């Protein structure tokens, strides 16, 4: 008997080592040697390796990001997803343990006198026409993991848990980038509001002079009207920028998990500097650094496990059951031990034969889903490389634009001063003055917008490289 037991155990051990499906390994994506518009280098160092507090050094911005990481609701939901996934992963480990249930039953039956049971009762003369049964037992059920179904369930649960961790990282990288970009937009609006107010004062001065000239009969009413229209156009920008500032402040406060309100700040847009050198590293590092790419890599593990689970469902299942306890048809000797003791041990092998082709279809669908996951992984890598390249070219070209527009602003500011002097001395007309003022206003606003765009591109480069979650 021992020989048979050992042989059966050995067979189960060998079968459990068999894999009913073959895993697809994570594909090696086609990656360039370097990012487009990046300096060719073999250095794997990247700005994404820098902790966000060292990359974004503005004190107000750091406070906003800190608050967002702690209080942002998307971040809190991501943390809860991790907790739920961790509980599910721990639960799967119990699938290896036999299921145990305690059953206590008591029932009575009054069979028909003409039934086989009723006739039997009359023959035994037990003095009652009722059949009573009292039972208390412990039932055990265990399924041998021959085809690795439980093992694959555990793999899938672990991958799902790790995916939630990567999802939390992805949320944090987006939060860091979004908060910083919103903050830079707020500084740009501050700068544009100051520009608009300064231009309104300049237009007020010009309008006063034109009114004096009109009173002296030196200019027509048309000059007054056109100058006033220019002053009103500049004044209309002030409430527009004030509105945008309030909306941006509210958006940042909500992003940080707080009620809409004012954001105190003392930095100016031109005080935020862009590092001269921003190393992007090598593209191959994206696979391990980007949370979204890593999540798709883990999704392939889950897909492989699901294929194994669905394949195993098509094979025979070995289940061992056992139950033992006390049983009696009379309550007064229910606990009469050992007479009431009983025990049952059984083993069964179940092989699905015909289930409307559901098992095979489910297995085939899981294979298709696995192939789809491979495509999604490849696509995520391509998107990541594209996002980095886009951010690099934005930083490069916006620097050039900023230099050109800054030079243009300087030229127009000098031209405006000269036009005002010439106008006051009667050597230039009002049209030349308001044209110069309009040009310098638009150029100064454009320069602030380009500066903001450059800072936002830096934040986007940091995010697209996978920075912000460390």
Protein backbone atom coordinates (compact mmCIF):
# COMPACT_ATOMS: atom_id res chain seq x y z
CA UNK A 1 0.00 0.00 0.00
CA UNK A 2 2.85 2.40 0.82
CA UNK A 3 4.39 1.64 -2.55
CA UNK A 4 1.18 2.69 -4.32
CA UNK A 5 0.92 5.86 -2.25
CA UNK A 6 4.51 6.87 -3.03
CA UNK A 7 4.00 6.10 -6.72
CA UNK A 8 0.86 8.22 -6.88
CA UNK A 9 2.62 11.09 -5.10
CA UNK A 10 5.53 10.87 -7.54
CA UNK A 11 3.16 10.93 -10.53
CA UNK A 12 1.40 13.99 -9.13
CA UNK A 13 4.74 15.72 -8.58
CA UNK A 14 5.85 15.06 -12.16
CA UNK A 15 2.52 16.18 -13.62
CA UNK A 16 2.49 19.33 -11.53
CA UNK A 17 5.84 20.26 -13.06
CA UNK A 18 4.32 20.09 -16.55
CA UNK A 19 3.24 23.32 -18.21
CA UNK A 20 0.16 23.16 -20.36
CA UNK A 21 0.97 26.44 -22.11
CA UNK A 22 4.09 28.21 -23.27
CA UNK A 23 4.70 31.76 -22.11
CA UNK A 24 5.49 34.56 -24.51
CA UNK A 25 8.53 36.47 -23.34
CA UNK A 26 8.49 40.25 -23.21
CA UNK A 27 9.41 41.33 -26.75
CA UNK A 28 12.50 43.39 -27.29
CA UNK A 29 11.17 46.59 -28.87
CA UNK A 30 12.99 48.26 -31.74
CA UNK A 31 14.63 51.31 -30.18
CA UNK A 32 16.93 53.93 -31.68
CA UNK A 33 20.43 54.43 -30.33
CA UNK A 34 19.45 57.91 -29.20
CA UNK A 35 16.44 60.17 -29.09
CA UNK A 36 15.77 62.49 -31.99
CA UNK A 37 17.06 66.02 -31.32
CA UNK A 38 19.19 64.70 -28.46
CA UNK A 39 22.94 64.80 -28.21
CA UNK A 40 24.29 61.38 -29.17
CA UNK A 41 25.80 59.78 -26.07
CA UNK A 42 26.40 56.42 -24.46
CA UNK A 43 25.79 57.86 -20.99
CA UNK A 44 22.74 56.21 -19.44
CA UNK A 45 22.26 59.05 -16.94
CA UNK A 46 18.99 60.91 -17.35
CA UNK A 47 17.27 63.84 -15.69
CA UNK A 48 14.52 61.34 -14.83
CA UNK A 49 16.89 59.79 -12.27
CA UNK A 50 16.83 63.06 -10.32
CA UNK A 51 14.30 63.26 -7.48
CA UNK A 52 11.57 65.77 -8.27
CA UNK A 53 12.49 68.03 -5.32
CA UNK A 54 15.97 68.40 -6.76
CA UNK A 55 14.63 69.03 -10.26
CA UNK A 56 11.91 71.55 -9.34
CA UNK A 57 13.61 73.87 -6.87
CA UNK A 58 11.02 76.66 -6.52
CA UNK A 59 9.77 76.58 -2.90
CA UNK A 60 6.12 77.39 -3.74
CA UNK A 61 6.07 74.78 -6.50
CA UNK A 62 7.56 72.15 -4.18
CA UNK A 63 4.84 72.87 -1.61
CA UNK A 64 2.13 72.49 -4.26
CA UNK A 65 3.55 69.20 -5.54
CA UNK A 66 3.95 67.87 -2.00
CA UNK A 67 0.32 68.66 -1.25
CA UNK A 68 -0.86 67.08 -4.52
CA UNK A 69 1.03 63.83 -3.92
CA UNK A 70 -0.59 63.48 -0.49
CA UNK A 71 -4.08 64.89 -1.06
CA UNK A 72 -4.82 64.43 -4.76
CA UNK A 73 -7.81 62.12 -5.12
CA UNK A 74 -6.41 60.25 -8.12
CA UNK A 75 -3.35 59.52 -6.00
CA UNK A 76 -5.47 58.35 -3.07
CA UNK A 77 -7.50 56.09 -5.37
CA UNK A 78 -4.26 54.62 -6.73
CA UNK A 79 -3.14 53.83 -3.17
CA UNK A 80 -6.47 52.13 -2.46
CA UNK A 81 -6.09 50.07 -5.62
CA UNK A 82 -2.72 48.88 -4.35
CA UNK A 83 -4.26 47.89 -1.00
CA UNK A 84 -7.07 45.95 -2.70
CA UNK A 85 -4.67 44.22 -5.09
CA UNK A 86 -2.37 43.26 -2.23
CA UNK A 87 -5.28 41.62 -0.38
CA UNK A 88 -6.21 39.65 -3.51
CA UNK A 89 -2.61 38.51 -3.95
CA UNK A 90 -2.49 37.27 -0.36
CA UNK A 91 -5.80 35.49 -0.87
CA UNK A 92 -4.55 33.53 -3.91
CA UNK A 93 -1.85 31.91 -1.77
CA UNK A 94 -4.63 30.14 0.15
CA UNK A 95 -5.71 28.30 -3.01
CA UNK A 96 -3.05 25.68 -2.23
CA UNK A 97 -4.69 25.00 1.15
CA UNK A 98 -7.58 22.49 1.32
CA UNK A 99 -11.05 23.93 1.80
CA UNK A 100 -12.53 22.98 5.17
CA UNK A 101 -16.16 23.41 6.17
CA UNK A 102 -18.10 22.59 9.34
CA UNK A 103 -21.60 21.24 8.76
CA UNK A 104 -24.25 20.69 11.45
CA UNK A 105 -27.63 19.44 10.25
CA UNK A 106 -30.80 18.13 11.82
CA UNK A 107 -33.83 17.10 9.80
CA UNK A 108 -36.96 15.00 10.05
CA UNK A 109 -38.94 13.33 7.26
CA UNK A 110 -42.40 11.80 7.18
CA UNK A 111 -42.47 9.43 4.17
CA UNK A 112 -45.63 8.15 2.45
CA UNK A 113 -46.98 4.91 3.88
CA UNK A 114 -47.07 3.48 0.37
CA UNK A 115 -43.49 4.45 -0.44
CA UNK A 116 -40.58 2.06 -0.15
CA UNK A 117 -39.29 3.96 2.86
CA UNK A 118 -42.70 3.98 4.53
CA UNK A 119 -43.18 0.24 4.02
CA UNK A 120 -39.70 -0.40 5.44
CA UNK A 121 -40.52 1.59 8.56
CA UNK A 122 -43.66 -0.48 9.17
CA UNK A 123 -41.65 -3.69 8.86
CA UNK A 124 -39.05 -2.61 11.45
CA UNK A 125 -41.66 -1.54 13.99
CA UNK A 126 -39.58 1.35 15.30
CA UNK A 127 -42.65 2.97 16.76
CA UNK A 128 -42.69 6.10 14.61
CA UNK A 129 -43.52 7.09 11.08
CA UNK A 130 -40.86 9.85 11.05
CA UNK A 131 -37.24 9.51 9.98
CA UNK A 132 -34.87 11.77 11.85
CA UNK A 133 -31.24 12.44 11.04
CA UNK A 134 -28.68 14.37 13.07
CA UNK A 135 -25.20 15.03 11.73
CA UNK A 136 -22.15 17.10 12.62
CA UNK A 137 -19.08 16.78 10.44
CA UNK A 138 -15.99 18.47 9.09
CA UNK A 139 -15.67 18.30 5.29
CA UNK A 140 -12.35 18.73 3.48
CA UNK A 141 -11.81 19.29 -0.24
CA UNK A 142 -8.51 19.70 -2.07
CA UNK A 143 -7.69 19.98 -5.76
CA UNK A 144 -4.21 18.97 -6.89
CA UNK A 145 -2.51 21.71 -8.89
CA UNK A 146 -1.47 19.26 -11.61
CA UNK A 147 -1.56 21.66 -14.55
CA UNK A 148 -0.36 24.76 -12.71
CA UNK A 149 -3.73 26.51 -12.56
CA UNK A 150 -3.24 27.77 -9.02
CA UNK A 151 0.35 28.70 -9.79
CA UNK A 152 -0.83 30.81 -12.74
CA UNK A 153 -3.52 32.40 -10.59
CA UNK A 154 -0.80 33.42 -8.17
CA UNK A 155 1.33 34.82 -11.02
CA UNK A 156 -1.61 36.82 -12.34
CA UNK A 157 -2.41 38.21 -8.89
CA UNK A 158 1.21 39.22 -8.33
CA UNK A 159 1.39 40.93 -11.73
CA UNK A 160 -1.89 42.75 -11.01
CA UNK A 161 -0.51 43.92 -7.67
CA UNK A 162 2.68 45.18 -9.30
CA UNK A 163 0.61 46.90 -11.98
CA UNK A 164 -1.25 48.90 -9.36
CA UNK A 165 2.11 49.97 -7.93
CA UNK A 166 3.20 51.11 -11.39
CA UNK A 167 -0.15 52.87 -11.85
CA UNK A 168 0.52 54.83 -8.66
CA UNK A 169 3.93 55.84 -10.03
CA UNK A 170 2.32 56.93 -13.30
CA UNK A 171 -0.23 59.04 -11.41
CA UNK A 172 2.56 60.69 -9.43
CA UNK A 173 4.65 61.48 -12.54
CA UNK A 174 1.59 63.08 -14.14
CA UNK A 175 0.83 65.02 -10.98
CA UNK A 176 4.36 66.39 -10.73
CA UNK A 177 4.34 67.45 -14.40
CA UNK A 178 0.79 68.85 -14.35
CA UNK A 179 1.26 70.86 -11.17
CA UNK A 180 4.56 72.33 -12.40
CA UNK A 181 3.05 73.22 -15.79
CA UNK A 182 0.04 74.81 -14.09
CA UNK A 183 2.37 76.80 -11.83
CA UNK A 184 4.41 78.02 -14.80
CA UNK A 185 1.19 79.02 -16.54
CA UNK A 186 0.20 80.98 -13.44
CA UNK A 187 3.53 82.85 -13.47
CA UNK A 188 3.05 83.60 -17.17
CA UNK A 189 -0.39 85.04 -16.48
CA UNK A 190 1.09 87.19 -13.68
CA UNK A 191 3.67 88.48 -16.13
CA UNK A 192 1.09 89.14 -18.85
CA UNK A 193 -1.18 90.95 -16.38
CA UNK A 194 1.70 93.22 -15.36
CA UNK A 195 2.50 93.87 -19.04
CA UNK A 196 -1.12 94.76 -19.79
CA UNK A 197 -1.36 97.14 -16.82
CA UNK A 198 1.90 98.86 -17.78
CA UNK A 199 0.66 99.25 -21.35
CA UNK A 200 -2.62 100.74 -20.12
CA UNK A 201 -0.67 103.40 -18.18
CA UNK A 202 1.39 104.12 -21.28
CA UNK A 203 -1.77 104.48 -23.37
CA UNK A 204 -3.32 106.73 -20.72
CA UNK A 205 -0.36 109.07 -21.02
CA UNK A 206 -0.62 109.10 -24.80
CA UNK A 207 -4.39 109.74 -24.65
CA UNK A 208 -3.90 112.75 -22.36
CA UNK A 209 -1.45 114.30 -24.81
CA UNK A 210 -3.75 113.67 -27.77
CA UNK A 211 -6.67 115.27 -25.87
CA UNK A 212 -4.52 118.34 -25.20
CA UNK A 213 -3.58 118.52 -28.87
CA UNK A 214 -7.26 118.17 -29.83
CA UNK A 215 -8.20 121.02 -27.48
CA UNK A 216 -5.46 123.09 -29.11
CA UNK A 217 -6.78 122.22 -32.55
CA UNK A 218 -3.63 120.36 -33.56
CA UNK A 219 -5.31 116.99 -34.23
CA UNK A 220 -8.78 115.87 -35.26
CA UNK A 221 -11.39 113.98 -33.27
CA UNK A 222 -10.33 110.85 -35.19
CA UNK A 223 -6.96 110.93 -33.44
CA UNK A 224 -8.65 111.01 -30.06
CA UNK A 225 -10.99 108.14 -30.96
CA UNK A 226 -8.23 105.89 -32.32
CA UNK A 227 -5.96 106.55 -29.34
CA UNK A 228 -8.82 105.88 -26.93
CA UNK A 229 -9.68 102.64 -28.79
CA UNK A 230 -6.08 101.50 -28.41
CA UNK A 231 -6.20 102.29 -24.68
CA UNK A 232 -9.47 100.35 -24.30
CA UNK A 233 -8.05 97.34 -26.15
CA UNK A 234 -5.16 97.19 -23.68
CA UNK A 235 -7.49 97.73 -20.71
CA UNK A 236 -9.73 94.84 -21.82
CA UNK A 237 -6.79 92.47 -21.42
CA UNK A 238 -6.58 93.19 -17.67
CA UNK A 239 -9.85 91.50 -16.59
CA UNK A 240 -9.17 88.71 -19.08
CA UNK A 241 -5.84 87.88 -17.45
CA UNK A 242 -7.31 88.30 -13.96
CA UNK A 243 -10.02 85.81 -14.87
CA UNK A 244 -7.47 83.32 -16.22
CA UNK A 245 -5.34 83.71 -13.08
CA UNK A 246 -8.31 82.86 -10.84
CA UNK A 247 -9.23 79.84 -12.96
CA UNK A 248 -5.63 78.58 -12.94
CA UNK A 249 -5.37 79.07 -9.17
CA UNK A 250 -8.58 77.11 -8.68
CA UNK A 251 -7.33 74.32 -10.93
CA UNK A 252 -4.07 74.03 -9.01
CA UNK A 253 -5.84 74.04 -5.65
CA UNK A 254 -8.21 71.27 -6.77
CA UNK A 255 -5.25 69.33 -8.12
CA UNK A 256 -3.67 69.54 -4.68
CA UNK A 257 -6.86 68.22 -3.07
CA UNK A 258 -7.96 71.54 -1.62
CA UNK A 259 -10.87 73.91 -2.12
CA UNK A 260 -10.51 76.63 -4.79
CA UNK A 261 -8.66 79.66 -3.50
CA UNK A 262 -5.76 82.03 -3.94
CA UNK A 263 -2.19 80.75 -4.20
CA UNK A 264 0.47 82.90 -2.57
CA UNK A 265 3.62 83.23 -4.66
CA UNK A 266 6.59 85.54 -4.83
CA UNK A 267 8.49 84.20 -7.85
CA UNK A 268 8.41 85.78 -11.28
CA UNK A 269 8.51 84.02 -14.62
CA UNK A 270 11.94 85.33 -15.57
CA UNK A 271 13.38 84.07 -12.27
CA UNK A 272 12.74 80.42 -13.24
CA UNK A 273 15.73 79.17 -15.18
CA UNK A 274 16.08 76.24 -17.56
CA UNK A 275 19.18 74.05 -17.14
CA UNK A 276 21.65 74.42 -19.98
CA UNK A 277 22.04 70.66 -20.31
CA UNK A 278 19.16 68.21 -20.05
CA UNK A 279 20.37 64.66 -20.49
CA UNK A 280 17.75 62.29 -21.83
CA UNK A 281 19.87 59.16 -21.44
CA UNK A 282 19.37 56.25 -23.82
CA UNK A 283 15.99 55.02 -25.13
CA UNK A 284 16.43 51.47 -23.82
CA UNK A 285 16.20 52.78 -20.25
CA UNK A 286 12.60 53.88 -20.85
CA UNK A 287 11.32 50.30 -20.57
CA UNK A 288 12.38 50.04 -16.95
CA UNK A 289 11.83 53.69 -15.98
CA UNK A 290 8.45 54.58 -17.47
CA UNK A 291 5.63 53.30 -15.21
CA UNK A 292 3.14 52.95 -18.07
CA UNK A 293 5.56 50.88 -20.18
CA UNK A 294 6.41 48.72 -17.16
CA UNK A 295 2.69 48.24 -16.56
CA UNK A 296 2.20 46.81 -20.06
CA UNK A 297 5.16 44.51 -19.47
CA UNK A 298 3.43 43.22 -16.33
CA UNK A 299 0.18 42.92 -18.27
CA UNK A 300 1.93 40.37 -20.50
CA UNK A 301 2.71 38.27 -17.42
CA UNK A 302 -0.97 38.39 -16.51
CA UNK A 303 -1.95 37.44 -20.05
CA UNK A 304 0.44 34.48 -20.01
CA UNK A 305 -1.01 33.34 -16.70
CA UNK A 306 -4.58 33.62 -18.01
CA UNK A 307 -3.71 31.47 -21.00
CA UNK A 308 -2.31 28.83 -18.62
CA UNK A 309 -5.41 29.00 -16.39
CA UNK A 310 -7.83 28.62 -19.31
CA UNK A 311 -5.75 25.82 -20.83
CA UNK A 312 -5.67 23.94 -17.52
CA UNK A 313 -9.46 24.18 -17.31
CA UNK A 314 -9.63 21.88 -20.36
CA UNK A 315 -7.61 19.10 -18.67
CA UNK A 316 -8.65 16.56 -16.03
CA UNK A 317 -8.90 17.84 -12.47
CA UNK A 318 -7.98 15.59 -9.54
CA UNK A 319 -9.99 16.37 -6.41
CA UNK A 320 -9.72 14.63 -3.06
CA UNK A 321 -12.55 14.97 -0.55
CA UNK A 322 -12.94 13.74 2.99
CA UNK A 323 -15.48 14.20 5.74
CA UNK A 324 -15.81 12.89 9.24
CA UNK A 325 -17.96 13.49 12.27
CA UNK A 326 -20.90 12.05 14.19
CA UNK A 327 -24.26 10.92 12.80
CA UNK A 328 -27.39 9.44 14.32
CA UNK A 329 -31.08 9.08 13.48
CA UNK A 330 -31.99 9.74 17.12
CA UNK A 331 -31.15 12.93 18.97
CA UNK A 332 -30.58 11.22 22.31
CA UNK A 333 -27.58 9.22 21.05
CA UNK A 334 -26.24 11.79 18.57
CA UNK A 335 -23.09 12.25 20.61
CA UNK A 336 -22.73 8.59 21.56
CA UNK A 337 -19.04 8.11 20.79
CA UNK A 338 -17.60 6.02 19.24
CA UNK A 339 -20.84 4.48 17.98
CA UNK A 340 -21.93 7.66 16.14
CA UNK A 341 -18.55 8.32 14.52
CA UNK A 342 -18.26 8.09 10.73
CA UNK A 343 -15.67 8.98 8.07
CA UNK A 344 -15.60 9.19 4.26
CA UNK A 345 -12.60 9.60 1.95
CA UNK A 346 -13.03 9.92 -1.81
CA UNK A 347 -11.03 10.85 -4.85
CA UNK A 348 -12.35 11.98 -8.22
CA UNK A 349 -11.01 12.93 -11.62
CA UNK A 350 -13.19 15.25 -13.67
CA UNK A 351 -12.63 15.73 -17.39
CA UNK A 352 -14.73 18.33 -19.21
CA UNK A 353 -16.14 16.79 -22.37
CA UNK A 354 -18.77 19.03 -23.90
CA UNK A 355 -19.59 22.50 -22.60
CA UNK A 356 -20.83 24.13 -25.78
CA UNK A 357 -17.17 24.71 -26.74
CA UNK A 358 -16.99 27.39 -24.04
CA UNK A 359 -13.67 26.25 -22.54
CA UNK A 360 -11.89 26.13 -25.89
CA UNK A 361 -13.30 29.48 -26.94
CA UNK A 362 -12.24 31.04 -23.64
CA UNK A 363 -8.75 29.64 -24.12
CA UNK A 364 -8.53 30.98 -27.68
CA UNK A 365 -9.77 34.39 -26.59
CA UNK A 366 -7.07 34.50 -23.88
CA UNK A 367 -4.44 33.78 -26.55
CA UNK A 368 -5.77 36.67 -28.65
CA UNK A 369 -5.74 38.93 -25.58
CA UNK A 370 -2.12 37.96 -24.97
CA UNK A 371 -1.18 38.88 -28.54
CA UNK A 372 -3.03 42.17 -28.10
CA UNK A 373 -1.03 42.85 -24.92
CA UNK A 374 2.21 42.39 -26.85
CA UNK A 375 1.04 44.98 -29.38
CA UNK A 376 0.05 47.38 -26.60
CA UNK A 377 3.49 47.00 -25.04
CA UNK A 378 5.20 47.79 -28.33
CA UNK A 379 2.91 50.76 -28.88
CA UNK A 380 3.61 52.13 -25.38
CA UNK A 381 7.34 52.04 -26.08
CA UNK A 382 6.87 53.89 -29.39
CA UNK A 383 4.68 56.51 -27.72
CA UNK A 384 7.24 56.97 -24.94
CA UNK A 385 10.09 57.51 -27.40
CA UNK A 386 7.91 59.91 -29.39
CA UNK A 387 6.98 61.94 -26.30
CA UNK A 388 10.63 62.34 -25.31
CA UNK A 389 11.60 63.39 -28.85
CA UNK A 390 8.74 65.91 -28.98
CA UNK A 391 9.76 67.45 -25.66
CA UNK A 392 13.40 67.70 -26.77
CA UNK A 393 12.57 69.51 -29.99
CA UNK A 394 10.20 71.86 -28.15
CA UNK A 395 12.92 72.84 -25.70
CA UNK A 396 15.45 73.32 -28.48
CA UNK A 397 13.25 75.41 -30.77
CA UNK A 398 11.59 77.43 -28.00
CA UNK A 399 15.04 78.53 -26.84
CA UNK A 400 15.70 79.87 -30.33
CA UNK A 401 12.30 81.57 -30.46
CA UNK A 402 12.83 83.12 -27.05
CA UNK A 403 16.14 84.61 -28.13
CA UNK A 404 14.61 86.10 -31.29
CA UNK A 405 11.47 87.45 -29.61
CA UNK A 406 13.48 88.88 -26.69
CA UNK A 407 15.61 90.79 -29.18
CA UNK A 408 12.44 91.97 -30.95
CA UNK A 409 10.92 93.13 -27.65
CA UNK A 410 14.07 95.11 -26.85
CA UNK A 411 13.94 96.76 -30.28
CA UNK A 412 10.24 97.62 -29.97
CA UNK A 413 10.69 99.00 -26.45
CA UNK A 414 13.35 101.38 -27.77
CA UNK A 415 11.11 102.24 -30.71
CA UNK A 416 8.20 103.03 -28.36
CA UNK A 417 10.37 105.36 -26.27
CA UNK A 418 11.60 107.12 -29.39
CA UNK A 419 8.06 107.42 -30.78
CA UNK A 420 6.84 108.98 -27.55
CA UNK A 421 9.71 111.50 -27.52
CA UNK A 422 9.15 112.37 -31.16
CA UNK A 423 5.40 112.69 -30.59
CA UNK A 424 5.86 115.03 -27.63
CA UNK A 425 8.15 117.21 -29.79
CA UNK A 426 5.74 117.16 -32.72
CA UNK A 427 8.02 115.09 -34.95
CA UNK A 428 5.77 111.99 -35.05
CA UNK A 429 2.01 111.56 -35.35
CA UNK A 430 -0.29 109.67 -33.03
CA UNK A 431 -0.57 106.68 -35.40
CA UNK A 432 3.14 105.97 -35.10
CA UNK A 433 2.88 106.08 -31.32
CA UNK A 434 -0.13 103.77 -30.94
CA UNK A 435 1.31 101.37 -33.51
CA UNK A 436 4.57 101.15 -31.57
CA UNK A 437 2.69 100.63 -28.30
CA UNK A 438 0.51 97.89 -29.82
CA UNK A 439 3.54 96.10 -31.25
CA UNK A 440 5.48 96.12 -28.01
CA UNK A 441 2.42 94.88 -26.07
CA UNK A 442 1.94 91.87 -28.35
CA UNK A 443 5.65 91.06 -28.38
CA UNK A 444 5.96 91.19 -24.59
CA UNK A 445 2.92 88.94 -24.21
CA UNK A 446 4.36 86.54 -26.77
CA UNK A 447 7.72 86.45 -24.98
CA UNK A 448 6.03 85.48 -21.71
CA UNK A 449 4.10 82.75 -23.51
CA UNK A 450 7.27 81.34 -25.10
CA UNK A 451 9.05 81.34 -21.75
CA UNK A 452 6.15 79.43 -20.20
CA UNK A 453 6.19 76.99 -23.14
CA UNK A 454 9.87 76.28 -22.62
CA UNK A 455 9.40 75.57 -18.90
CA UNK A 456 6.39 73.35 -19.63
CA UNK A 457 8.43 71.43 -22.21
CA UNK A 458 11.12 70.81 -19.58
CA UNK A 459 8.47 69.45 -17.20
CA UNK A 460 7.07 67.29 -20.01
CA UNK A 461 10.56 65.94 -20.79
CA UNK A 462 10.98 65.01 -17.13
CA UNK A 463 7.63 63.19 -17.16
CA UNK A 464 8.10 61.47 -20.52
CA UNK A 465 11.47 60.10 -19.40
CA UNK A 466 9.76 58.51 -16.39
CA UNK A 467 10.81 61.02 -13.75
CA UNK A 468 8.79 62.23 -10.80
CA UNK A 469 7.90 59.03 -8.96
CA UNK A 470 11.14 58.66 -7.00
